[in-house]
């Protein structure tokens, strides 16, 4: 099972594949535009990071990465 974990202290996303390989993703694409992270979901072979602007109380954007940490874009929720 694919696993995505957000580390608030180091501002990195860690993606762990079923075979044990891990990938670390810098927060540049995730927190661009003063966004904060609310949570991480795995959907098939993708990791979705739920974010919103610092002033929002609920997530309104989904940043998507594949299982090797490649940025696939973002979209609204």
PDB file of N, CA and C in Angstrom:
ATOM      1  N   UNK A   1       0.830  -1.172   0.000  1.00  0.00           N
ATOM      2  CA  UNK A   1       0.000   0.000   0.000  1.00  0.00           C
ATOM      3  C   UNK A   1       0.884   1.248   0.000  1.00  0.00           C
ATOM      4  N   UNK A   2       0.558   2.192  -0.816  1.00  0.00           N
ATOM      5  CA  UNK A   2       1.272   3.456  -0.911  1.00  0.00           C
ATOM      6  C   UNK A   2       0.963   4.300   0.322  1.00  0.00           C
ATOM      7  N   UNK A   3       1.977   4.987   0.853  1.00  0.00           N
ATOM      8  CA  UNK A   3       1.797   5.784   2.053  1.00  0.00           C
ATOM      9  C   UNK A   3       2.418   7.157   1.850  1.00  0.00           C
ATOM     10  N   UNK A   4       1.684   8.201   2.184  1.00  0.00           N
ATOM     11  CA  UNK A   4       2.196   9.565   2.129  1.00  0.00           C
ATOM     12  C   UNK A   4       2.136  10.179   3.507  1.00  0.00           C
ATOM     13  N   UNK A   5       3.246  10.826   3.936  1.00  0.00           N
ATOM     14  CA  UNK A   5       3.309  11.424   5.267  1.00  0.00           C
ATOM     15  C   UNK A   5       3.864  12.841   5.156  1.00  0.00           C
ATOM     16  N   UNK A   6       3.210  13.782   5.815  1.00  0.00           N
ATOM     17  CA  UNK A   6       3.650  15.171   5.825  1.00  0.00           C
ATOM     18  C   UNK A   6       4.394  15.445   7.125  1.00  0.00           C
ATOM     19  N   UNK A   7       5.601  16.026   7.009  1.00  0.00           N
ATOM     20  CA  UNK A   7       6.384  16.405   8.180  1.00  0.00           C
ATOM     21  C   UNK A   7       6.374  17.923   8.281  1.00  0.00           C
ATOM     22  N   UNK A   8       5.625  18.440   9.223  1.00  0.00           N
ATOM     23  CA  UNK A   8       5.467  19.885   9.386  1.00  0.00           C
ATOM     24  C   UNK A   8       6.790  20.562   9.749  1.00  0.00           C
ATOM     25  N   UNK A   9       7.590  19.919  10.581  1.00  0.00           N
ATOM     26  CA  UNK A   9       8.842  20.515  11.044  1.00  0.00           C
ATOM     27  C   UNK A   9       9.822  20.769   9.903  1.00  0.00           C
ATOM     28  N   UNK A  10       9.983  19.799   9.026  1.00  0.00           N
ATOM     29  CA  UNK A  10      10.942  19.955   7.918  1.00  0.00           C
ATOM     30  C   UNK A  10      10.282  20.386   6.615  1.00  0.00           C
ATOM     31  N   UNK A  11       8.932  20.533   6.632  1.00  0.00           N
ATOM     32  CA  UNK A  11       8.184  20.944   5.447  1.00  0.00           C
ATOM     33  C   UNK A  11       8.466  20.029   4.252  1.00  0.00           C
ATOM     34  N   UNK A  12       8.366  18.716   4.484  1.00  0.00           N
ATOM     35  CA  UNK A  12       8.578  17.743   3.413  1.00  0.00           C
ATOM     36  C   UNK A  12       7.466  16.699   3.414  1.00  0.00           C
ATOM     37  N   UNK A  13       7.206  16.188   2.231  1.00  0.00           N
ATOM     38  CA  UNK A  13       6.279  15.080   2.046  1.00  0.00           C
ATOM     39  C   UNK A  13       7.121  13.840   1.796  1.00  0.00           C
ATOM     40  N   UNK A  14       6.867  12.788   2.548  1.00  0.00           N
ATOM     41  CA  UNK A  14       7.570  11.522   2.354  1.00  0.00           C
ATOM     42  C   UNK A  14       6.586  10.533   1.759  1.00  0.00           C
ATOM     43  N   UNK A  15       6.979   9.934   0.641  1.00  0.00           N
ATOM     44  CA  UNK A  15       6.155   8.932  -0.032  1.00  0.00           C
ATOM     45  C   UNK A  15       6.861   7.594   0.091  1.00  0.00           C
ATOM     46  N   UNK A  16       6.155   6.592   0.619  1.00  0.00           N
ATOM     47  CA  UNK A  16       6.725   5.258   0.781  1.00  0.00           C
ATOM     48  C   UNK A  16       5.941   4.279  -0.075  1.00  0.00           C
ATOM     49  N   UNK A  17       6.657   3.605  -0.974  1.00  0.00           N
ATOM     50  CA  UNK A  17       6.041   2.579  -1.825  1.00  0.00           C
ATOM     51  C   UNK A  17       5.933   1.254  -1.095  1.00  0.00           C
ATOM     52  N   UNK A  18       5.199   0.328  -1.681  1.00  0.00           N
ATOM     53  CA  UNK A  18       5.007  -0.989  -1.066  1.00  0.00           C
ATOM     54  C   UNK A  18       6.309  -1.785  -0.989  1.00  0.00           C
ATOM     55  N   UNK A  19       7.248  -1.521  -1.894  1.00  0.00           N
ATOM     56  CA  UNK A  19       8.516  -2.254  -1.885  1.00  0.00           C
ATOM     57  C   UNK A  19       9.533  -1.649  -0.926  1.00  0.00           C
ATOM     58  N   UNK A  20       9.160  -0.596  -0.189  1.00  0.00           N
ATOM     59  CA  UNK A  20      10.046   0.003   0.801  1.00  0.00           C
ATOM     60  C   UNK A  20      10.782   1.246   0.335  1.00  0.00           C
ATOM     61  N   UNK A  21      10.746   1.541  -0.959  1.00  0.00           N
ATOM     62  CA  UNK A  21      11.411   2.743  -1.459  1.00  0.00           C
ATOM     63  C   UNK A  21      10.720   3.980  -0.902  1.00  0.00           C
ATOM     64  N   UNK A  22      11.511   4.984  -0.536  1.00  0.00           N
ATOM     65  CA  UNK A  22      10.938   6.231  -0.053  1.00  0.00           C
ATOM     66  C   UNK A  22      11.441   7.392  -0.895  1.00  0.00           C
ATOM     67  N   UNK A  23      10.589   8.381  -1.061  1.00  0.00           N
ATOM     68  CA  UNK A  23      10.903   9.593  -1.802  1.00  0.00           C
ATOM     69  C   UNK A  23      10.520  10.777  -0.926  1.00  0.00           C
ATOM     70  N   UNK A  24      11.363  11.800  -0.911  1.00  0.00           N
ATOM     71  CA  UNK A  24      11.069  13.016  -0.163  1.00  0.00           C
ATOM     72  C   UNK A  24      10.838  14.149  -1.150  1.00  0.00           C
ATOM     73  N   UNK A  25       9.755  14.901  -0.902  1.00  0.00           N
ATOM     74  CA  UNK A  25       9.368  15.996  -1.776  1.00  0.00           C
ATOM     75  C   UNK A  25       9.422  17.286  -0.969  1.00  0.00           C
ATOM     76  N   UNK A  26      10.136  18.281  -1.490  1.00  0.00           N
ATOM     77  CA  UNK A  26      10.217  19.578  -0.845  1.00  0.00           C
ATOM     78  C   UNK A  26       8.860  20.272  -0.917  1.00  0.00           C
ATOM     79  N   UNK A  27       8.585  21.163  -0.015  1.00  0.00           N
ATOM     80  CA  UNK A  27       7.272  21.802   0.086  1.00  0.00           C
ATOM     81  C   UNK A  27       7.037  22.902  -0.936  1.00  0.00           C
ATOM     82  N   UNK A  28       7.952  23.162  -1.841  1.00  0.00           N
ATOM     83  CA  UNK A  28       7.828  24.274  -2.771  1.00  0.00           C
ATOM     84  C   UNK A  28       6.507  24.259  -3.531  1.00  0.00           C
ATOM     85  N   UNK A  29       6.148  23.164  -4.139  1.00  0.00           N
ATOM     86  CA  UNK A  29       4.900  23.084  -4.908  1.00  0.00           C
ATOM     87  C   UNK A  29       3.678  22.958  -4.010  1.00  0.00           C
ATOM     88  N   UNK A  30       3.870  22.465  -2.804  1.00  0.00           N
ATOM     89  CA  UNK A  30       2.746  22.208  -1.911  1.00  0.00           C
ATOM     90  C   UNK A  30       2.274  23.483  -1.220  1.00  0.00           C
ATOM     91  N   UNK A  31       3.196  24.269  -0.700  1.00  0.00           N
ATOM     92  CA  UNK A  31       2.826  25.444   0.093  1.00  0.00           C
ATOM     93  C   UNK A  31       2.967  26.754  -0.676  1.00  0.00           C
ATOM     94  N   UNK A  32       3.091  26.709  -1.981  1.00  0.00           N
ATOM     95  CA  UNK A  32       3.227  27.928  -2.782  1.00  0.00           C
ATOM     96  C   UNK A  32       2.035  28.847  -2.564  1.00  0.00           C
ATOM     97  N   UNK A  33       2.287  30.139  -2.432  1.00  0.00           N
ATOM     98  CA  UNK A  33       1.208  31.098  -2.250  1.00  0.00           C
ATOM     99  C   UNK A  33       0.662  31.120  -0.838  1.00  0.00           C
ATOM    100  N   UNK A  34       1.507  30.877   0.157  1.00  0.00           N
ATOM    101  CA  UNK A  34       1.115  30.913   1.576  1.00  0.00           C
ATOM    102  C   UNK A  34       0.029  29.910   1.910  1.00  0.00           C
ATOM    103  N   UNK A  35       0.194  28.675   1.457  1.00  0.00           N
ATOM    104  CA  UNK A  35      -0.762  27.607   1.766  1.00  0.00           C
ATOM    105  C   UNK A  35      -0.247  26.780   2.938  1.00  0.00           C
ATOM    106  N   UNK A  36      -1.180  26.194   3.685  1.00  0.00           N
ATOM    107  CA  UNK A  36      -0.837  25.269   4.756  1.00  0.00           C
ATOM    108  C   UNK A  36      -1.435  23.902   4.436  1.00  0.00           C
ATOM    109  N   UNK A  37      -0.836  22.877   4.986  1.00  0.00           N
ATOM    110  CA  UNK A  37      -1.260  21.496   4.725  1.00  0.00           C
ATOM    111  C   UNK A  37      -2.243  21.047   5.796  1.00  0.00           C
ATOM    112  N   UNK A  38      -3.357  20.452   5.349  1.00  0.00           N
ATOM    113  CA  UNK A  38      -4.364  19.916   6.259  1.00  0.00           C
ATOM    114  C   UNK A  38      -4.277  18.402   6.379  1.00  0.00           C
ATOM    115  N   UNK A  39      -3.837  17.724   5.336  1.00  0.00           N
ATOM    116  CA  UNK A  39      -3.773  16.271   5.385  1.00  0.00           C
ATOM    117  C   UNK A  39      -3.237  15.687   4.096  1.00  0.00           C
ATOM    118  N   UNK A  40      -3.029  14.385   4.117  1.00  0.00           N
ATOM    119  CA  UNK A  40      -2.499  13.648   2.970  1.00  0.00           C
ATOM    120  C   UNK A  40      -3.376  12.424   2.747  1.00  0.00           C
ATOM    121  N   UNK A  41      -3.748  12.182   1.482  1.00  0.00           N
ATOM    122  CA  UNK A  41      -4.529  11.001   1.103  1.00  0.00           C
ATOM    123  C   UNK A  41      -3.779  10.238   0.030  1.00  0.00           C
ATOM    124  N   UNK A  42      -3.956   8.926   0.005  1.00  0.00           N
ATOM    125  CA  UNK A  42      -3.450   8.144  -1.112  1.00  0.00           C
ATOM    126  C   UNK A  42      -4.647   7.653  -1.913  1.00  0.00           C
ATOM    127  N   UNK A  43      -4.561   7.839  -3.226  1.00  0.00           N
ATOM    128  CA  UNK A  43      -5.624   7.442  -4.142  1.00  0.00           C
ATOM    129  C   UNK A  43      -4.967   6.635  -5.253  1.00  0.00           C
ATOM    130  N   UNK A  44      -5.072   5.327  -5.175  1.00  0.00           N
ATOM    131  CA  UNK A  44      -4.415   4.469  -6.155  1.00  0.00           C
ATOM    132  C   UNK A  44      -2.909   4.637  -6.086  1.00  0.00           C
ATOM    133  N   UNK A  45      -2.292   5.053  -7.194  1.00  0.00           N
ATOM    134  CA  UNK A  45      -0.850   5.275  -7.247  1.00  0.00           C
ATOM    135  C   UNK A  45      -0.498   6.749  -7.133  1.00  0.00           C
ATOM    136  N   UNK A  46      -1.364   7.531  -6.521  1.00  0.00           N
ATOM    137  CA  UNK A  46      -1.124   8.960  -6.354  1.00  0.00           C
ATOM    138  C   UNK A  46      -1.238   9.342  -4.878  1.00  0.00           C
ATOM    139  N   UNK A  47      -0.530  10.406  -4.527  1.00  0.00           N
ATOM    140  CA  UNK A  47      -0.618  10.984  -3.198  1.00  0.00           C
ATOM    141  C   UNK A  47      -1.214  12.371  -3.360  1.00  0.00           C
ATOM    142  N   UNK A  48      -2.302  12.653  -2.647  1.00  0.00           N
ATOM    143  CA  UNK A  48      -2.980  13.947  -2.705  1.00  0.00           C
ATOM    144  C   UNK A  48      -2.744  14.668  -1.386  1.00  0.00           C
ATOM    145  N   UNK A  49      -2.211  15.889  -1.479  1.00  0.00           N
ATOM    146  CA  UNK A  49      -1.985  16.711  -0.294  1.00  0.00           C
ATOM    147  C   UNK A  49      -3.077  17.777  -0.262  1.00  0.00           C
ATOM    148  N   UNK A  50      -3.841  17.831   0.821  1.00  0.00           N
ATOM    149  CA  UNK A  50      -4.944  18.768   0.954  1.00  0.00           C
ATOM    150  C   UNK A  50      -4.432  20.053   1.596  1.00  0.00           C
ATOM    151  N   UNK A  51      -4.609  21.185   0.897  1.00  0.00           N
ATOM    152  CA  UNK A  51      -4.090  22.455   1.369  1.00  0.00           C
ATOM    153  C   UNK A  51      -5.137  23.556   1.248  1.00  0.00           C
ATOM    154  N   UNK A  52      -4.831  24.690   1.863  1.00  0.00           N
ATOM    155  CA  UNK A  52      -5.637  25.897   1.741  1.00  0.00           C
ATOM    156  C   UNK A  52      -4.757  27.084   2.097  1.00  0.00           C
ATOM    157  N   UNK A  53      -5.207  28.266   1.737  1.00  0.00           N
ATOM    158  CA  UNK A  53      -4.496  29.482   2.097  1.00  0.00           C
ATOM    159  C   UNK A  53      -4.463  29.592   3.625  1.00  0.00           C
ATOM    160  N   UNK A  54      -3.447  30.240   4.146  1.00  0.00           N
ATOM    161  CA  UNK A  54      -3.284  30.341   5.603  1.00  0.00           C
ATOM    162  C   UNK A  54      -4.510  30.875   6.325  1.00  0.00           C
ATOM    163  N   UNK A  55      -5.298  31.724   5.683  1.00  0.00           N
ATOM    164  CA  UNK A  55      -6.460  32.313   6.350  1.00  0.00           C
ATOM    165  C   UNK A  55      -7.697  31.402   6.331  1.00  0.00           C
ATOM    166  N   UNK A  56      -7.681  30.336   5.544  1.00  0.00           N
ATOM    167  CA  UNK A  56      -8.828  29.417   5.463  1.00  0.00           C
ATOM    168  C   UNK A  56      -8.797  28.382   6.584  1.00  0.00           C
ATOM    169  N   UNK A  57      -9.975  27.936   6.974  1.00  0.00           N
ATOM    170  CA  UNK A  57     -10.095  26.923   8.024  1.00  0.00           C
ATOM    171  C   UNK A  57     -10.309  25.513   7.481  1.00  0.00           C
ATOM    172  N   UNK A  58     -10.582  25.409   6.164  1.00  0.00           N
ATOM    173  CA  UNK A  58     -10.802  24.104   5.542  1.00  0.00           C
ATOM    174  C   UNK A  58      -9.982  24.022   4.253  1.00  0.00           C
ATOM    175  N   UNK A  59      -9.574  22.806   3.870  1.00  0.00           N
ATOM    176  CA  UNK A  59      -8.811  22.664   2.621  1.00  0.00           C
ATOM    177  C   UNK A  59      -9.677  22.958   1.402  1.00  0.00           C
ATOM    178  N   UNK A  60      -9.069  23.580   0.392  1.00  0.00           N
ATOM    179  CA  UNK A  60      -9.791  23.862  -0.850  1.00  0.00           C
ATOM    180  C   UNK A  60      -8.945  23.572  -2.085  1.00  0.00           C
ATOM    181  N   UNK A  61      -7.764  22.976  -1.897  1.00  0.00           N
ATOM    182  CA  UNK A  61      -6.881  22.658  -3.010  1.00  0.00           C
ATOM    183  C   UNK A  61      -6.261  21.298  -2.768  1.00  0.00           C
ATOM    184  N   UNK A  62      -6.060  20.566  -3.851  1.00  0.00           N
ATOM    185  CA  UNK A  62      -5.473  19.229  -3.830  1.00  0.00           C
ATOM    186  C   UNK A  62      -4.222  19.256  -4.701  1.00  0.00           C
ATOM    187  N   UNK A  63      -3.053  19.004  -4.094  1.00  0.00           N
ATOM    188  CA  UNK A  63      -1.797  18.934  -4.830  1.00  0.00           C
ATOM    189  C   UNK A  63      -1.480  17.457  -5.031  1.00  0.00           C
ATOM    190  N   UNK A  64      -1.247  17.051  -6.279  1.00  0.00           N
ATOM    191  CA  UNK A  64      -1.140  15.627  -6.615  1.00  0.00           C
ATOM    192  C   UNK A  64       0.299  15.274  -7.014  1.00  0.00           C
ATOM    193  N   UNK A  65       0.778  14.155  -6.463  1.00  0.00           N
ATOM    194  CA  UNK A  65       2.083  13.595  -6.795  1.00  0.00           C
ATOM    195  C   UNK A  65       1.893  12.129  -7.162  1.00  0.00           C
ATOM    196  N   UNK A  66       2.743  11.614  -8.055  1.00  0.00           N
ATOM    197  CA  UNK A  66       2.668  10.182  -8.341  1.00  0.00           C
ATOM    198  C   UNK A  66       3.478   9.423  -7.296  1.00  0.00           C
ATOM    199  N   UNK A  67       3.562   8.109  -7.426  1.00  0.00           N
ATOM    200  CA  UNK A  67       4.199   7.280  -6.399  1.00  0.00           C
ATOM    201  C   UNK A  67       5.708   7.439  -6.310  1.00  0.00           C
ATOM    202  N   UNK A  68       6.327   8.167  -7.257  1.00  0.00           N
ATOM    203  CA  UNK A  68       7.765   8.421  -7.174  1.00  0.00           C
ATOM    204  C   UNK A  68       8.066   9.877  -6.838  1.00  0.00           C
ATOM    205  N   UNK A  69       7.051  10.628  -6.428  1.00  0.00           N
ATOM    206  CA  UNK A  69       7.259  11.992  -5.979  1.00  0.00           C
ATOM    207  C   UNK A  69       7.231  13.043  -7.060  1.00  0.00           C
ATOM    208  N   UNK A  70       6.799  12.692  -8.263  1.00  0.00           N
ATOM    209  CA  UNK A  70       6.729  13.653  -9.365  1.00  0.00           C
ATOM    210  C   UNK A  70       5.434  14.454  -9.259  1.00  0.00           C
ATOM    211  N   UNK A  71       5.561  15.771  -9.327  1.00  0.00           N
ATOM    212  CA  UNK A  71       4.424  16.683  -9.235  1.00  0.00           C
ATOM    213  C   UNK A  71       3.531  16.512 -10.460  1.00  0.00           C
ATOM    214  N   UNK A  72       2.224  16.324 -10.224  1.00  0.00           N
ATOM    215  CA  UNK A  72       1.275  16.137 -11.326  1.00  0.00           C
ATOM    216  C   UNK A  72       0.283  17.278 -11.438  1.00  0.00           C
ATOM    217  N   UNK A  73       0.421  18.307 -10.601  1.00  0.00           N
ATOM    218  CA  UNK A  73      -0.452  19.459 -10.673  1.00  0.00           C
ATOM    219  C   UNK A  73      -1.329  19.594  -9.447  1.00  0.00           C
ATOM    220  N   UNK A  74      -2.164  20.636  -9.477  1.00  0.00           N
ATOM    221  CA  UNK A  74      -3.097  20.854  -8.381  1.00  0.00           C
ATOM    222  C   UNK A  74      -4.456  21.192  -8.945  1.00  0.00           C
ATOM    223  N   UNK A  75      -5.474  20.985  -8.139  1.00  0.00           N
ATOM    224  CA  UNK A  75      -6.847  21.286  -8.550  1.00  0.00           C
ATOM    225  C   UNK A  75      -7.664  21.615  -7.314  1.00  0.00           C
ATOM    226  N   UNK A  76      -8.757  22.300  -7.534  1.00  0.00           N
ATOM    227  CA  UNK A  76      -9.645  22.654  -6.427  1.00  0.00           C
ATOM    228  C   UNK A  76     -10.423  21.451  -5.940  1.00  0.00           C
ATOM    229  N   UNK A  77     -10.879  21.559  -4.725  1.00  0.00           N
ATOM    230  CA  UNK A  77     -11.691  20.480  -4.143  1.00  0.00           C
ATOM    231  C   UNK A  77     -13.148  20.790  -4.359  1.00  0.00           C
TER     232      UNK A  77
END
